[in-house]
Amino acid sequence: MNTLQKKQAVFARRRIRIRAKIHGTKERPRLAIFKSHKYIYAQIINDEKGHTLVATDSRSVKGKTPVECAKMVGLEIAQKAKIAKITKVVFDRGGFLYTGKIKMVADSAREGGLEF
């Protein structure tokens, strides 16, 4: 097993471990984060029904650096959640480490009014 395969296996195990503990409900939907190499995506999901309630991504926001884009995504998801009358969520970092862009999305979503 080469280094890339080991990294992918560790990521997959981490993602499964996180999702086993986190479940979104009507009262506290799940704020799921996905990070590609180019963009960052955030969506609020009711897992009981399997519906996405609110979604946004960094393709629709303007920022100079990736961290600035992540901050804008967090603020925008919080703003859309307020419109949808969602105040409390469960944070799902999607297997990604809680640093950099993931941390910035979480902090700015809290700053925008979401509780988790």
PDB file of N, CA and C in Angstrom:
ATOM      1  N   MET A   1       0.847  -1.174   0.000  1.00  0.00           N
ATOM      2  CA  MET A   1       0.000   0.000   0.000  1.00  0.00           C
ATOM      3  C   MET A   1       0.897   1.245   0.000  1.00  0.00           C
ATOM      4  N   ASN A   2       0.704   2.089  -0.986  1.00  0.00           N
ATOM      5  CA  ASN A   2       1.534   3.293  -1.059  1.00  0.00           C
ATOM      6  C   ASN A   2       0.971   4.410  -0.176  1.00  0.00           C
ATOM      7  N   THR A   3       1.661   5.517  -0.135  1.00  0.00           N
ATOM      8  CA  THR A   3       1.307   6.614   0.759  1.00  0.00           C
ATOM      9  C   THR A   3      -0.073   7.188   0.457  1.00  0.00           C
ATOM     10  N   LEU A   4      -0.401   7.363  -0.809  1.00  0.00           N
ATOM     11  CA  LEU A   4      -1.697   7.922  -1.181  1.00  0.00           C
ATOM     12  C   LEU A   4      -2.830   7.007  -0.721  1.00  0.00           C
ATOM     13  N   GLN A   5      -2.674   5.718  -0.914  1.00  0.00           N
ATOM     14  CA  GLN A   5      -3.706   4.784  -0.486  1.00  0.00           C
ATOM     15  C   GLN A   5      -3.883   4.804   1.037  1.00  0.00           C
ATOM     16  N   LYS A   6      -2.792   4.953   1.765  1.00  0.00           N
ATOM     17  CA  LYS A   6      -2.879   5.041   3.226  1.00  0.00           C
ATOM     18  C   LYS A   6      -3.630   6.296   3.650  1.00  0.00           C
ATOM     19  N   LYS A   7      -3.320   7.434   3.006  1.00  0.00           N
ATOM     20  CA  LYS A   7      -4.016   8.684   3.332  1.00  0.00           C
ATOM     21  C   LYS A   7      -5.508   8.563   3.050  1.00  0.00           C
ATOM     22  N   GLN A   8      -5.857   7.955   1.913  1.00  0.00           N
ATOM     23  CA  GLN A   8      -7.259   7.794   1.563  1.00  0.00           C
ATOM     24  C   GLN A   8      -7.979   6.870   2.540  1.00  0.00           C
ATOM     25  N   ALA A   9      -7.289   5.817   2.993  1.00  0.00           N
ATOM     26  CA  ALA A   9      -7.886   4.881   3.944  1.00  0.00           C
ATOM     27  C   ALA A   9      -8.114   5.562   5.296  1.00  0.00           C
ATOM     28  N   VAL A  10      -7.162   6.365   5.737  1.00  0.00           N
ATOM     29  CA  VAL A  10      -7.304   7.088   7.008  1.00  0.00           C
ATOM     30  C   VAL A  10      -8.461   8.074   6.917  1.00  0.00           C
ATOM     31  N   PHE A  11      -8.561   8.779   5.797  1.00  0.00           N
ATOM     32  CA  PHE A  11      -9.644   9.744   5.588  1.00  0.00           C
ATOM     33  C   PHE A  11     -10.997   9.034   5.606  1.00  0.00           C
ATOM     34  N   ALA A  12     -11.090   7.898   4.906  1.00  0.00           N
ATOM     35  CA  ALA A  12     -12.351   7.162   4.839  1.00  0.00           C
ATOM     36  C   ALA A  12     -12.771   6.661   6.218  1.00  0.00           C
ATOM     37  N   ARG A  13     -11.828   6.146   7.004  1.00  0.00           N
ATOM     38  CA  ARG A  13     -12.138   5.681   8.358  1.00  0.00           C
ATOM     39  C   ARG A  13     -12.605   6.834   9.237  1.00  0.00           C
ATOM     40  N   ARG A  14     -11.930   7.990   9.123  1.00  0.00           N
ATOM     41  CA  ARG A  14     -12.299   9.159   9.913  1.00  0.00           C
ATOM     42  C   ARG A  14     -13.706   9.621   9.547  1.00  0.00           C
ATOM     43  N   ARG A  15     -14.011   9.638   8.261  1.00  0.00           N
ATOM     44  CA  ARG A  15     -15.324  10.082   7.795  1.00  0.00           C
ATOM     45  C   ARG A  15     -16.429   9.157   8.321  1.00  0.00           C
ATOM     46  N   ILE A  16     -16.205   7.861   8.264  1.00  0.00           N
ATOM     47  CA  ILE A  16     -17.190   6.892   8.748  1.00  0.00           C
ATOM     48  C   ILE A  16     -17.372   7.029  10.258  1.00  0.00           C
ATOM     49  N   ARG A  17     -16.290   7.214  10.981  1.00  0.00           N
ATOM     50  CA  ARG A  17     -16.348   7.351  12.438  1.00  0.00           C
ATOM     51  C   ARG A  17     -17.164   8.588  12.836  1.00  0.00           C
ATOM     52  N   ILE A  18     -16.976   9.692  12.110  1.00  0.00           N
ATOM     53  CA  ILE A  18     -17.706  10.919  12.400  1.00  0.00           C
ATOM     54  C   ILE A  18     -19.189  10.747  12.099  1.00  0.00           C
ATOM     55  N   ARG A  19     -19.515  10.173  10.934  1.00  0.00           N
ATOM     56  CA  ARG A  19     -20.919  10.042  10.523  1.00  0.00           C
ATOM     57  C   ARG A  19     -21.683   9.046  11.387  1.00  0.00           C
ATOM     58  N   ALA A  20     -20.977   8.112  12.044  1.00  0.00           N
ATOM     59  CA  ALA A  20     -21.650   7.171  12.928  1.00  0.00           C
ATOM     60  C   ALA A  20     -22.192   7.878  14.168  1.00  0.00           C
ATOM     61  N   LYS A  21     -21.582   8.986  14.551  1.00  0.00           N
ATOM     62  CA  LYS A  21     -21.965   9.706  15.762  1.00  0.00           C
ATOM     63  C   LYS A  21     -22.896  10.884  15.486  1.00  0.00           C
ATOM     64  N   ILE A  22     -22.918  11.392  14.265  1.00  0.00           N
ATOM     65  CA  ILE A  22     -23.650  12.618  13.941  1.00  0.00           C
ATOM     66  C   ILE A  22     -24.868  12.284  13.095  1.00  0.00           C
ATOM     67  N   HIS A  23     -26.016  12.825  13.513  1.00  0.00           N
ATOM     68  CA  HIS A  23     -27.253  12.612  12.773  1.00  0.00           C
ATOM     69  C   HIS A  23     -28.101  13.875  12.877  1.00  0.00           C
ATOM     70  N   GLY A  24     -28.546  14.395  11.756  1.00  0.00           N
ATOM     71  CA  GLY A  24     -29.356  15.608  11.752  1.00  0.00           C
ATOM     72  C   GLY A  24     -30.835  15.295  11.908  1.00  0.00           C
ATOM     73  N   THR A  25     -31.510  16.093  12.712  1.00  0.00           N
ATOM     74  CA  THR A  25     -32.944  15.929  12.924  1.00  0.00           C
ATOM     75  C   THR A  25     -33.662  17.196  12.468  1.00  0.00           C
ATOM     76  N   LYS A  26     -34.977  17.210  12.640  1.00  0.00           N
ATOM     77  CA  LYS A  26     -35.746  18.402  12.282  1.00  0.00           C
ATOM     78  C   LYS A  26     -35.371  19.574  13.185  1.00  0.00           C
ATOM     79  N   GLU A  27     -35.172  19.277  14.487  1.00  0.00           N
ATOM     80  CA  GLU A  27     -34.831  20.333  15.438  1.00  0.00           C
ATOM     81  C   GLU A  27     -33.381  20.799  15.272  1.00  0.00           C
ATOM     82  N   ARG A  28     -32.472  19.857  15.031  1.00  0.00           N
ATOM     83  CA  ARG A  28     -31.042  20.166  14.862  1.00  0.00           C
ATOM     84  C   ARG A  28     -30.530  19.495  13.598  1.00  0.00           C
ATOM     85  N   PRO A  29     -30.694  20.124  12.438  1.00  0.00           N
ATOM     86  CA  PRO A  29     -30.182  19.523  11.209  1.00  0.00           C
ATOM     87  C   PRO A  29     -28.653  19.532  11.181  1.00  0.00           C
ATOM     88  N   ARG A  30     -28.086  18.781  10.255  1.00  0.00           N
ATOM     89  CA  ARG A  30     -26.641  18.611  10.157  1.00  0.00           C
ATOM     90  C   ARG A  30     -26.056  19.620   9.171  1.00  0.00           C
ATOM     91  N   LEU A  31     -25.029  20.340   9.614  1.00  0.00           N
ATOM     92  CA  LEU A  31     -24.285  21.257   8.743  1.00  0.00           C
ATOM     93  C   LEU A  31     -23.099  20.483   8.202  1.00  0.00           C
ATOM     94  N   ALA A  32     -23.201  20.030   6.962  1.00  0.00           N
ATOM     95  CA  ALA A  32     -22.174  19.197   6.340  1.00  0.00           C
ATOM     96  C   ALA A  32     -21.254  20.059   5.481  1.00  0.00           C
ATOM     97  N   ILE A  33     -19.954  19.811   5.599  1.00  0.00           N
ATOM     98  CA  ILE A  33     -18.943  20.543   4.846  1.00  0.00           C
ATOM     99  C   ILE A  33     -18.248  19.581   3.900  1.00  0.00           C
ATOM    100  N   PHE A  34     -18.041  20.013   2.660  1.00  0.00           N
ATOM    101  CA  PHE A  34     -17.227  19.256   1.714  1.00  0.00           C
ATOM    102  C   PHE A  34     -16.222  20.219   1.105  1.00  0.00           C
ATOM    103  N   LYS A  35     -15.002  19.758   0.998  1.00  0.00           N
ATOM    104  CA  LYS A  35     -13.928  20.597   0.476  1.00  0.00           C
ATOM    105  C   LYS A  35     -13.284  19.871  -0.697  1.00  0.00           C
ATOM    106  N   SER A  36     -13.356  20.482  -1.884  1.00  0.00           N
ATOM    107  CA  SER A  36     -12.618  19.954  -3.023  1.00  0.00           C
ATOM    108  C   SER A  36     -11.301  20.716  -3.103  1.00  0.00           C
ATOM    109  N   HIS A  37     -10.529  20.442  -4.108  1.00  0.00           N
ATOM    110  CA  HIS A  37      -9.262  21.153  -4.241  1.00  0.00           C
ATOM    111  C   HIS A  37      -9.470  22.626  -4.574  1.00  0.00           C
ATOM    112  N   LYS A  38     -10.604  22.932  -5.210  1.00  0.00           N
ATOM    113  CA  LYS A  38     -10.826  24.293  -5.690  1.00  0.00           C
ATOM    114  C   LYS A  38     -11.882  25.059  -4.898  1.00  0.00           C
ATOM    115  N   TYR A  39     -12.917  24.373  -4.444  1.00  0.00           N
ATOM    116  CA  TYR A  39     -14.048  25.033  -3.802  1.00  0.00           C
ATOM    117  C   TYR A  39     -14.368  24.397  -2.458  1.00  0.00           C
ATOM    118  N   ILE A  40     -15.236  25.064  -1.694  1.00  0.00           N
ATOM    119  CA  ILE A  40     -15.741  24.527  -0.441  1.00  0.00           C
ATOM    120  C   ILE A  40     -17.265  24.647  -0.465  1.00  0.00           C
ATOM    121  N   TYR A  41     -17.930  23.596  -0.015  1.00  0.00           N
ATOM    122  CA  TYR A  41     -19.381  23.509  -0.069  1.00  0.00           C
ATOM    123  C   TYR A  41     -19.926  23.308   1.341  1.00  0.00           C
ATOM    124  N   ALA A  42     -21.078  23.895   1.626  1.00  0.00           N
ATOM    125  CA  ALA A  42     -21.742  23.706   2.917  1.00  0.00           C
ATOM    126  C   ALA A  42     -23.232  23.532   2.667  1.00  0.00           C
ATOM    127  N   GLN A  43     -23.824  22.572   3.373  1.00  0.00           N
ATOM    128  CA  GLN A  43     -25.265  22.386   3.261  1.00  0.00           C
ATOM    129  C   GLN A  43     -25.828  21.932   4.599  1.00  0.00           C
ATOM    130  N   ILE A  44     -27.064  22.324   4.846  1.00  0.00           N
ATOM    131  CA  ILE A  44     -27.764  21.940   6.062  1.00  0.00           C
ATOM    132  C   ILE A  44     -28.793  20.892   5.663  1.00  0.00           C
ATOM    133  N   ILE A  45     -28.702  19.721   6.331  1.00  0.00           N
ATOM    134  CA  ILE A  45     -29.459  18.541   5.905  1.00  0.00           C
ATOM    135  C   ILE A  45     -30.306  18.005   7.052  1.00  0.00           C
ATOM    136  N   ASN A  46     -31.558  17.668   6.755  1.00  0.00           N
ATOM    137  CA  ASN A  46     -32.414  16.930   7.675  1.00  0.00           C
ATOM    138  C   ASN A  46     -32.276  15.464   7.303  1.00  0.00           C
ATOM    139  N   ASP A  47     -31.547  14.676   8.116  1.00  0.00           N
ATOM    140  CA  ASP A  47     -31.286  13.275   7.791  1.00  0.00           C
ATOM    141  C   ASP A  47     -32.509  12.385   7.961  1.00  0.00           C
ATOM    142  N   GLU A  48     -33.483  12.800   8.758  1.00  0.00           N
ATOM    143  CA  GLU A  48     -34.688  11.995   8.935  1.00  0.00           C
ATOM    144  C   GLU A  48     -35.460  11.876   7.624  1.00  0.00           C
ATOM    145  N   LYS A  49     -35.553  12.976   6.892  1.00  0.00           N
ATOM    146  CA  LYS A  49     -36.240  12.971   5.605  1.00  0.00           C
ATOM    147  C   LYS A  49     -35.279  12.845   4.421  1.00  0.00           C
ATOM    148  N   GLY A  50     -34.000  13.116   4.667  1.00  0.00           N
ATOM    149  CA  GLY A  50     -33.023  13.064   3.580  1.00  0.00           C
ATOM    150  C   GLY A  50     -33.091  14.284   2.682  1.00  0.00           C
ATOM    151  N   HIS A  51     -33.508  15.428   3.245  1.00  0.00           N
ATOM    152  CA  HIS A  51     -33.660  16.650   2.461  1.00  0.00           C
ATOM    153  C   HIS A  51     -32.563  17.660   2.793  1.00  0.00           C
ATOM    154  N   THR A  52     -32.078  18.322   1.759  1.00  0.00           N
ATOM    155  CA  THR A  52     -31.179  19.451   1.956  1.00  0.00           C
ATOM    156  C   THR A  52     -32.035  20.691   2.135  1.00  0.00           C
ATOM    157  N   LEU A  53     -31.865  21.357   3.277  1.00  0.00           N
ATOM    158  CA  LEU A  53     -32.687  22.519   3.586  1.00  0.00           C
ATOM    159  C   LEU A  53     -32.085  23.804   3.040  1.00  0.00           C
ATOM    160  N   VAL A  54     -30.761  23.945   3.185  1.00  0.00           N
ATOM    161  CA  VAL A  54     -30.045  25.150   2.757  1.00  0.00           C
ATOM    162  C   VAL A  54     -28.689  24.713   2.229  1.00  0.00           C
ATOM    163  N   ALA A  55     -28.213  25.361   1.172  1.00  0.00           N
ATOM    164  CA  ALA A  55     -26.896  25.019   0.634  1.00  0.00           C
ATOM    165  C   ALA A  55     -26.225  26.254   0.051  1.00  0.00           C
ATOM    166  N   THR A  56     -24.901  26.253   0.098  1.00  0.00           N
ATOM    167  CA  THR A  56     -24.110  27.305  -0.530  1.00  0.00           C
ATOM    168  C   THR A  56     -22.718  26.758  -0.815  1.00  0.00           C
ATOM    169  N   ASP A  57     -21.976  27.476  -1.631  1.00  0.00           N
ATOM    170  CA  ASP A  57     -20.608  27.054  -1.935  1.00  0.00           C
ATOM    171  C   ASP A  57     -19.765  28.261  -2.293  1.00  0.00           C
ATOM    172  N   SER A  58     -18.475  28.044  -2.415  1.00  0.00           N
ATOM    173  CA  SER A  58     -17.559  29.154  -2.662  1.00  0.00           C
ATOM    174  C   SER A  58     -17.549  29.586  -4.124  1.00  0.00           C
ATOM    175  N   ARG A  59     -18.255  28.861  -4.985  1.00  0.00           N
ATOM    176  CA  ARG A  59     -18.359  29.316  -6.377  1.00  0.00           C
ATOM    177  C   ARG A  59     -19.233  30.555  -6.475  1.00  0.00           C
ATOM    178  N   SER A  60     -20.149  30.713  -5.499  1.00  0.00           N
ATOM    179  CA  SER A  60     -21.092  31.828  -5.551  1.00  0.00           C
ATOM    180  C   SER A  60     -20.661  33.022  -4.708  1.00  0.00           C
ATOM    181  N   VAL A  61     -19.511  32.933  -4.029  1.00  0.00           N
ATOM    182  CA  VAL A  61     -19.044  34.042  -3.196  1.00  0.00           C
ATOM    183  C   VAL A  61     -17.735  34.586  -3.754  1.00  0.00           C
ATOM    184  N   LYS A  62     -17.452  35.812  -3.399  1.00  0.00           N
ATOM    185  CA  LYS A  62     -16.228  36.448  -3.879  1.00  0.00           C
ATOM    186  C   LYS A  62     -15.262  36.635  -2.715  1.00  0.00           C
ATOM    187  N   GLY A  63     -14.071  36.134  -2.871  1.00  0.00           N
ATOM    188  CA  GLY A  63     -13.019  36.297  -1.879  1.00  0.00           C
ATOM    189  C   GLY A  63     -11.677  36.173  -2.567  1.00  0.00           C
ATOM    190  N   LYS A  64     -10.671  36.778  -1.989  1.00  0.00           N
ATOM    191  CA  LYS A  64      -9.367  36.758  -2.645  1.00  0.00           C
ATOM    192  C   LYS A  64      -8.600  35.477  -2.349  1.00  0.00           C
ATOM    193  N   THR A  65      -8.644  35.011  -1.094  1.00  0.00           N
ATOM    194  CA  THR A  65      -7.918  33.802  -0.734  1.00  0.00           C
ATOM    195  C   THR A  65      -8.920  32.696  -0.412  1.00  0.00           C
ATOM    196  N   PRO A  66      -8.483  31.439  -0.404  1.00  0.00           N
ATOM    197  CA  PRO A  66      -9.397  30.348  -0.056  1.00  0.00           C
ATOM    198  C   PRO A  66      -9.983  30.487   1.351  1.00  0.00           C
ATOM    199  N   VAL A  67      -9.217  31.007   2.299  1.00  0.00           N
ATOM    200  CA  VAL A  67      -9.719  31.180   3.660  1.00  0.00           C
ATOM    201  C   VAL A  67     -10.790  32.272   3.689  1.00  0.00           C
ATOM    202  N   GLU A  68     -10.609  33.344   2.924  1.00  0.00           N
ATOM    203  CA  GLU A  68     -11.633  34.389   2.833  1.00  0.00           C
ATOM    204  C   GLU A  68     -12.907  33.823   2.210  1.00  0.00           C
ATOM    205  N   CYS A  69     -12.759  32.980   1.188  1.00  0.00           N
ATOM    206  CA  CYS A  69     -13.927  32.345   0.575  1.00  0.00           C
ATOM    207  C   CYS A  69     -14.649  31.460   1.579  1.00  0.00           C
ATOM    208  N   ALA A  70     -13.890  30.726   2.399  1.00  0.00           N
ATOM    209  CA  ALA A  70     -14.487  29.861   3.418  1.00  0.00           C
ATOM    210  C   ALA A  70     -15.256  30.689   4.440  1.00  0.00           C
ATOM    211  N   LYS A  71     -14.717  31.838   4.805  1.00  0.00           N
ATOM    212  CA  LYS A  71     -15.411  32.714   5.750  1.00  0.00           C
ATOM    213  C   LYS A  71     -16.722  33.203   5.152  1.00  0.00           C
ATOM    214  N   MET A  72     -16.705  33.579   3.894  1.00  0.00           N
ATOM    215  CA  MET A  72     -17.922  34.040   3.229  1.00  0.00           C
ATOM    216  C   MET A  72     -18.957  32.914   3.136  1.00  0.00           C
ATOM    217  N   VAL A  73     -18.509  31.671   2.902  1.00  0.00           N
ATOM    218  CA  VAL A  73     -19.429  30.531   2.841  1.00  0.00           C
ATOM    219  C   VAL A  73     -20.103  30.338   4.195  1.00  0.00           C
ATOM    220  N   GLY A  74     -19.339  30.431   5.283  1.00  0.00           N
ATOM    221  CA  GLY A  74     -19.905  30.290   6.621  1.00  0.00           C
ATOM    222  C   GLY A  74     -20.934  31.364   6.935  1.00  0.00           C
ATOM    223  N   LEU A  75     -20.617  32.602   6.583  1.00  0.00           N
ATOM    224  CA  LEU A  75     -21.564  33.695   6.830  1.00  0.00           C
ATOM    225  C   LEU A  75     -22.820  33.538   5.983  1.00  0.00           C
ATOM    226  N   GLU A  76     -22.645  33.106   4.729  1.00  0.00           N
ATOM    227  CA  GLU A  76     -23.791  32.956   3.834  1.00  0.00           C
ATOM    228  C   GLU A  76     -24.692  31.806   4.270  1.00  0.00           C
ATOM    229  N   ILE A  77     -24.097  30.687   4.729  1.00  0.00           N
ATOM    230  CA  ILE A  77     -24.925  29.567   5.174  1.00  0.00           C
ATOM    231  C   ILE A  77     -25.699  29.947   6.430  1.00  0.00           C
ATOM    232  N   ALA A  78     -25.084  30.748   7.312  1.00  0.00           N
ATOM    233  CA  ALA A  78     -25.774  31.211   8.513  1.00  0.00           C
ATOM    234  C   ALA A  78     -26.922  32.151   8.154  1.00  0.00           C
ATOM    235  N   GLN A  79     -26.693  33.008   7.182  1.00  0.00           N
ATOM    236  CA  GLN A  79     -27.731  33.944   6.751  1.00  0.00           C
ATOM    237  C   GLN A  79     -28.912  33.191   6.130  1.00  0.00           C
ATOM    238  N   LYS A  80     -28.624  32.201   5.277  1.00  0.00           N
ATOM    239  CA  LYS A  80     -29.689  31.420   4.657  1.00  0.00           C
ATOM    240  C   LYS A  80     -30.432  30.579   5.696  1.00  0.00           C
ATOM    241  N   ALA A  81     -29.698  30.106   6.712  1.00  0.00           N
ATOM    242  CA  ALA A  81     -30.329  29.316   7.773  1.00  0.00           C
ATOM    243  C   ALA A  81     -31.285  30.183   8.582  1.00  0.00           C
ATOM    244  N   LYS A  82     -30.914  31.438   8.836  1.00  0.00           N
ATOM    245  CA  LYS A  82     -31.812  32.352   9.560  1.00  0.00           C
ATOM    246  C   LYS A  82     -33.101  32.551   8.785  1.00  0.00           C
ATOM    247  N   ILE A  83     -32.995  32.694   7.473  1.00  0.00           N
ATOM    248  CA  ILE A  83     -34.179  32.872   6.636  1.00  0.00           C
ATOM    249  C   ILE A  83     -35.071  31.630   6.712  1.00  0.00           C
ATOM    250  N   ALA A  84     -34.439  30.445   6.781  1.00  0.00           N
ATOM    251  CA  ALA A  84     -35.187  29.186   6.884  1.00  0.00           C
ATOM    252  C   ALA A  84     -35.572  28.855   8.325  1.00  0.00           C
ATOM    253  N   LYS A  85     -35.314  29.789   9.256  1.00  0.00           N
ATOM    254  CA  LYS A  85     -35.651  29.651  10.682  1.00  0.00           C
ATOM    255  C   LYS A  85     -34.923  28.476  11.337  1.00  0.00           C
ATOM    256  N   ILE A  86     -33.649  28.322  10.996  1.00  0.00           N
ATOM    257  CA  ILE A  86     -32.792  27.304  11.606  1.00  0.00           C
ATOM    258  C   ILE A  86     -31.769  28.032  12.463  1.00  0.00           C
ATOM    259  N   THR A  87     -31.704  27.688  13.761  1.00  0.00           N
ATOM    260  CA  THR A  87     -30.755  28.346  14.646  1.00  0.00           C
ATOM    261  C   THR A  87     -29.726  27.382  15.212  1.00  0.00           C
ATOM    262  N   LYS A  88     -30.110  26.107  15.421  1.00  0.00           N
ATOM    263  CA  LYS A  88     -29.199  25.128  15.998  1.00  0.00           C
ATOM    264  C   LYS A  88     -28.921  24.027  14.988  1.00  0.00           C
ATOM    265  N   VAL A  89     -27.653  23.678  14.839  1.00  0.00           N
ATOM    266  CA  VAL A  89     -27.252  22.625  13.914  1.00  0.00           C
ATOM    267  C   VAL A  89     -26.226  21.715  14.588  1.00  0.00           C
ATOM    268  N   VAL A  90     -25.970  20.574  13.951  1.00  0.00           N
ATOM    269  CA  VAL A  90     -24.904  19.667  14.343  1.00  0.00           C
ATOM    270  C   VAL A  90     -23.831  19.790  13.269  1.00  0.00           C
ATOM    271  N   PHE A  91     -22.595  20.040  13.662  1.00  0.00           N
ATOM    272  CA  PHE A  91     -21.519  20.290  12.695  1.00  0.00           C
ATOM    273  C   PHE A  91     -20.884  18.979  12.253  1.00  0.00           C
ATOM    274  N   ASP A  92     -20.851  18.754  10.947  1.00  0.00           N
ATOM    275  CA  ASP A  92     -20.231  17.565  10.352  1.00  0.00           C
ATOM    276  C   ASP A  92     -19.087  18.037   9.471  1.00  0.00           C
ATOM    277  N   ARG A  93     -17.858  17.826   9.936  1.00  0.00           N
ATOM    278  CA  ARG A  93     -16.694  18.294   9.181  1.00  0.00           C
ATOM    279  C   ARG A  93     -16.345  17.357   8.033  1.00  0.00           C
ATOM    280  N   GLY A  94     -17.063  16.270   7.874  1.00  0.00           N
ATOM    281  CA  GLY A  94     -16.923  15.408   6.714  1.00  0.00           C
ATOM    282  C   GLY A  94     -15.597  14.681   6.605  1.00  0.00           C
ATOM    283  N   GLY A  95     -14.957  14.393   7.721  1.00  0.00           N
ATOM    284  CA  GLY A  95     -13.691  13.678   7.678  1.00  0.00           C
ATOM    285  C   GLY A  95     -12.483  14.576   7.533  1.00  0.00           C
ATOM    286  N   PHE A  96     -12.709  15.849   7.290  1.00  0.00           N
ATOM    287  CA  PHE A  96     -11.593  16.793   7.148  1.00  0.00           C
ATOM    288  C   PHE A  96     -11.124  17.230   8.531  1.00  0.00           C
ATOM    289  N   LEU A  97      -9.853  17.530   8.659  1.00  0.00           N
ATOM    290  CA  LEU A  97      -9.316  18.002   9.920  1.00  0.00           C
ATOM    291  C   LEU A  97      -9.858  19.399  10.219  1.00  0.00           C
ATOM    292  N   TYR A  98     -10.070  19.688  11.496  1.00  0.00           N
ATOM    293  CA  TYR A  98     -10.665  20.955  11.918  1.00  0.00           C
ATOM    294  C   TYR A  98      -9.594  22.043  11.976  1.00  0.00           C
ATOM    295  N   THR A  99      -9.077  22.408  10.838  1.00  0.00           N
ATOM    296  CA  THR A  99      -8.095  23.480  10.715  1.00  0.00           C
ATOM    297  C   THR A  99      -8.383  24.238   9.428  1.00  0.00           C
ATOM    298  N   GLY A 100      -7.772  25.387   9.299  1.00  0.00           N
ATOM    299  CA  GLY A 100      -7.833  26.144   8.048  1.00  0.00           C
ATOM    300  C   GLY A 100      -9.226  26.500   7.602  1.00  0.00           C
ATOM    301  N   LYS A 101      -9.587  26.074   6.388  1.00  0.00           N
ATOM    302  CA  LYS A 101     -10.857  26.449   5.785  1.00  0.00           C
ATOM    303  C   LYS A 101     -12.054  25.874   6.536  1.00  0.00           C
ATOM    304  N   ILE A 102     -11.924  24.641   7.041  1.00  0.00           N
ATOM    305  CA  ILE A 102     -13.028  24.018   7.770  1.00  0.00           C
ATOM    306  C   ILE A 102     -13.309  24.802   9.056  1.00  0.00           C
ATOM    307  N   LYS A 103     -12.273  25.161   9.766  1.00  0.00           N
ATOM    308  CA  LYS A 103     -12.413  25.940  11.002  1.00  0.00           C
ATOM    309  C   LYS A 103     -12.989  27.318  10.698  1.00  0.00           C
ATOM    310  N   MET A 104     -12.579  27.917   9.595  1.00  0.00           N
ATOM    311  CA  MET A 104     -13.073  29.239   9.224  1.00  0.00           C
ATOM    312  C   MET A 104     -14.566  29.199   8.903  1.00  0.00           C
ATOM    313  N   VAL A 105     -15.025  28.152   8.216  1.00  0.00           N
ATOM    314  CA  VAL A 105     -16.456  28.016   7.923  1.00  0.00           C
ATOM    315  C   VAL A 105     -17.234  27.897   9.233  1.00  0.00           C
ATOM    316  N   ALA A 106     -16.748  27.069  10.152  1.00  0.00           N
ATOM    317  CA  ALA A 106     -17.429  26.866  11.429  1.00  0.00           C
ATOM    318  C   ALA A 106     -17.467  28.158  12.245  1.00  0.00           C
ATOM    319  N   ASP A 107     -16.333  28.830  12.349  1.00  0.00           N
ATOM    320  CA  ASP A 107     -16.273  30.061  13.138  1.00  0.00           C
ATOM    321  C   ASP A 107     -17.171  31.149  12.555  1.00  0.00           C
ATOM    322  N   SER A 108     -17.162  31.296  11.243  1.00  0.00           N
ATOM    323  CA  SER A 108     -17.979  32.343  10.631  1.00  0.00           C
ATOM    324  C   SER A 108     -19.469  31.985  10.677  1.00  0.00           C
ATOM    325  N   ALA A 109     -19.808  30.691  10.651  1.00  0.00           N
ATOM    326  CA  ALA A 109     -21.214  30.297  10.801  1.00  0.00           C
ATOM    327  C   ALA A 109     -21.692  30.616  12.217  1.00  0.00           C
ATOM    328  N   ARG A 110     -20.831  30.387  13.209  1.00  0.00           N
ATOM    329  CA  ARG A 110     -21.175  30.753  14.590  1.00  0.00           C
ATOM    330  C   ARG A 110     -21.323  32.266  14.707  1.00  0.00           C
ATOM    331  N   GLU A 111     -20.423  32.976  14.060  1.00  0.00           N
ATOM    332  CA  GLU A 111     -20.457  34.441  14.060  1.00  0.00           C
ATOM    333  C   GLU A 111     -21.741  34.947  13.418  1.00  0.00           C
ATOM    334  N   GLY A 112     -22.231  34.210  12.394  1.00  0.00           N
ATOM    335  CA  GLY A 112     -23.462  34.592  11.714  1.00  0.00           C
ATOM    336  C   GLY A 112     -24.731  34.248  12.469  1.00  0.00           C
ATOM    337  N   GLY A 113     -24.602  33.482  13.584  1.00  0.00           N
ATOM    338  CA  GLY A 113     -25.772  33.222  14.402  1.00  0.00           C
ATOM    339  C   GLY A 113     -26.154  31.758  14.588  1.00  0.00           C
ATOM    340  N   LEU A 114     -25.457  30.827  13.936  1.00  0.00           N
ATOM    341  CA  LEU A 114     -25.766  29.421  14.136  1.00  0.00           C
ATOM    342  C   LEU A 114     -25.159  28.922  15.443  1.00  0.00           C
ATOM    343  N   GLU A 115     -25.852  28.032  16.116  1.00  0.00           N
ATOM    344  CA  GLU A 115     -25.369  27.453  17.366  1.00  0.00           C
ATOM    345  C   GLU A 115     -25.026  25.992  17.139  1.00  0.00           C
ATOM    346  N   PHE A 116     -23.786  25.626  17.493  1.00  0.00           N
ATOM    347  CA  PHE A 116     -23.360  24.226  17.504  1.00  0.00           C
ATOM    348  C   PHE A 116     -22.118  24.070  18.327  1.00  0.00           C
TER     349      PHE A 116
END
